[in-house]
């Protein structure tokens, strides 16, 4: 579903504490769910992409944001996310 940015309130009109932003994010639970759905193992990601097991476990526990979320989505699924697929409204 496309996001209509024109319907969002401007940060200048509602105050800085109510600024809204769209953040690309994958939580640790999202990472685990994607890995299970796409039959990816920790060791498989390590072997295919040269990422340490410590880093894979860290991402599964903490999640990632920004470009790293897109990169991890690609690492797990084999494709880049479509526009808006990883975006959540952050307050």
Foldseek 3Di string as FASTA:
>chain_A
DDDDPVPDDDCVVPDVVPDKDKKQWAALVNLVVLCVVQVHDLVNLCVPPVDDSVVVVVCNHGTDIDVVSQVSSCSRNVDGDDPPPRIDMDD
